[in-house]
Amino acid sequence: MLTQKEIEVLELRAKELTQIEVSKKLGISQAAVSNFEKNALRKIREARQTLEEAKRLGLK
């Protein structure tokens, strides 16, 4: 599950803001933005893999 901060970062990045712009807007470091983004994308990728595996196994 994504944290609120991860969602905020992804929403702002989807609006094509740079990591530096996001960091200024949220009042956090660029490194923190990078970590939130990286963790969120990893969670999304893992969730997709889980859904694909469940589908392959015939689970609903």
C-alpha atoms as a PDB file:
ATOM      1  CA  MET A   1       0.000   0.000   0.000  1.00  0.00           C
ATOM      2  CA  LEU A   2       1.302   3.428  -0.906  1.00  0.00           C
ATOM      3  CA  THR A   3       1.815   6.027   1.784  1.00  0.00           C
ATOM      4  CA  GLN A   4       0.204   9.434   1.487  1.00  0.00           C
ATOM      5  CA  LYS A   5       3.606  11.018   0.807  1.00  0.00           C
ATOM      6  CA  GLU A   6       4.347   8.501  -1.968  1.00  0.00           C
ATOM      7  CA  ILE A   7       1.003   9.329  -3.569  1.00  0.00           C
ATOM      8  CA  GLU A   8       1.679  13.069  -3.307  1.00  0.00           C
ATOM      9  CA  VAL A   9       5.089  12.672  -4.921  1.00  0.00           C
ATOM     10  CA  LEU A  10       3.712  10.536  -7.781  1.00  0.00           C
ATOM     11  CA  GLU A  11       0.869  12.979  -8.402  1.00  0.00           C
ATOM     12  CA  LEU A  12       3.268  15.916  -8.641  1.00  0.00           C
ATOM     13  CA  ARG A  13       5.721  13.973 -10.815  1.00  0.00           C
ATOM     14  CA  ALA A  14       2.784  13.029 -13.095  1.00  0.00           C
ATOM     15  CA  LYS A  15       2.244  16.773 -13.543  1.00  0.00           C
ATOM     16  CA  GLU A  16       5.799  16.826 -14.925  1.00  0.00           C
ATOM     17  CA  LEU A  17       7.360  18.606 -11.953  1.00  0.00           C
ATOM     18  CA  THR A  18      11.032  17.798 -11.433  1.00  0.00           C
ATOM     19  CA  GLN A  19      12.189  16.145  -8.229  1.00  0.00           C
ATOM     20  CA  ILE A  20      13.654  19.473  -7.138  1.00  0.00           C
ATOM     21  CA  GLU A  21      10.331  21.251  -7.769  1.00  0.00           C
ATOM     22  CA  VAL A  22       8.485  18.548  -5.840  1.00  0.00           C
ATOM     23  CA  SER A  23      10.948  18.815  -2.959  1.00  0.00           C
ATOM     24  CA  LYS A  24      10.393  22.575  -2.718  1.00  0.00           C
ATOM     25  CA  LYS A  25       6.613  22.198  -2.932  1.00  0.00           C
ATOM     26  CA  LEU A  26       6.496  19.544  -0.207  1.00  0.00           C
ATOM     27  CA  GLY A  27       9.279  20.997   1.938  1.00  0.00           C
ATOM     28  CA  ILE A  28      11.417  17.862   1.821  1.00  0.00           C
ATOM     29  CA  SER A  29      14.813  17.088   0.328  1.00  0.00           C
ATOM     30  CA  GLN A  30      15.320  15.992  -3.264  1.00  0.00           C
ATOM     31  CA  ALA A  31      16.773  12.750  -1.914  1.00  0.00           C
ATOM     32  CA  ALA A  32      13.554  12.128   0.029  1.00  0.00           C
ATOM     33  CA  VAL A  33      11.500  12.747  -3.124  1.00  0.00           C
ATOM     34  CA  SER A  34      13.688  10.275  -4.986  1.00  0.00           C
ATOM     35  CA  ASN A  35      13.221   7.658  -2.259  1.00  0.00           C
ATOM     36  CA  PHE A  36       9.445   8.142  -2.075  1.00  0.00           C
ATOM     37  CA  GLU A  37       9.187   7.851  -5.847  1.00  0.00           C
ATOM     38  CA  LYS A  38      11.450   4.797  -6.039  1.00  0.00           C
ATOM     39  CA  ASN A  39       9.598   3.011  -3.229  1.00  0.00           C
ATOM     40  CA  ALA A  40       6.188   3.796  -4.702  1.00  0.00           C
ATOM     41  CA  LEU A  41       7.153   2.527  -8.141  1.00  0.00           C
ATOM     42  CA  ARG A  42       8.609  -0.651  -6.593  1.00  0.00           C
ATOM     43  CA  LYS A  43       5.355  -1.263  -4.690  1.00  0.00           C
ATOM     44  CA  ILE A  44       3.303  -0.736  -7.845  1.00  0.00           C
ATOM     45  CA  ARG A  45       5.535  -3.095  -9.824  1.00  0.00           C
ATOM     46  CA  GLU A  46       5.261  -5.764  -7.099  1.00  0.00           C
ATOM     47  CA  ALA A  47       1.471  -5.378  -6.946  1.00  0.00           C
ATOM     48  CA  ARG A  48       1.215  -5.857 -10.708  1.00  0.00           C
ATOM     49  CA  GLN A  49       3.359  -8.993 -10.495  1.00  0.00           C
ATOM     50  CA  THR A  50       1.145 -10.343  -7.711  1.00  0.00           C
ATOM     51  CA  LEU A  51      -2.001  -9.691  -9.743  1.00  0.00           C
ATOM     52  CA  GLU A  52      -0.499 -11.382 -12.793  1.00  0.00           C
ATOM     53  CA  GLU A  53       0.463 -14.418 -10.720  1.00  0.00           C
ATOM     54  CA  ALA A  54      -3.007 -14.605  -9.153  1.00  0.00           C
ATOM     55  CA  LYS A  55      -4.562 -14.450 -12.608  1.00  0.00           C
ATOM     56  CA  ARG A  56      -2.209 -17.157 -13.860  1.00  0.00           C
ATOM     57  CA  LEU A  57      -3.274 -19.370 -10.943  1.00  0.00           C
ATOM     58  CA  GLY A  58      -6.935 -18.713 -11.680  1.00  0.00           C
ATOM     59  CA  LEU A  59      -7.565 -16.812  -8.457  1.00  0.00           C
ATOM     60  CA  LYS A  60     -10.124 -14.065  -8.318  1.00  0.00           C
END
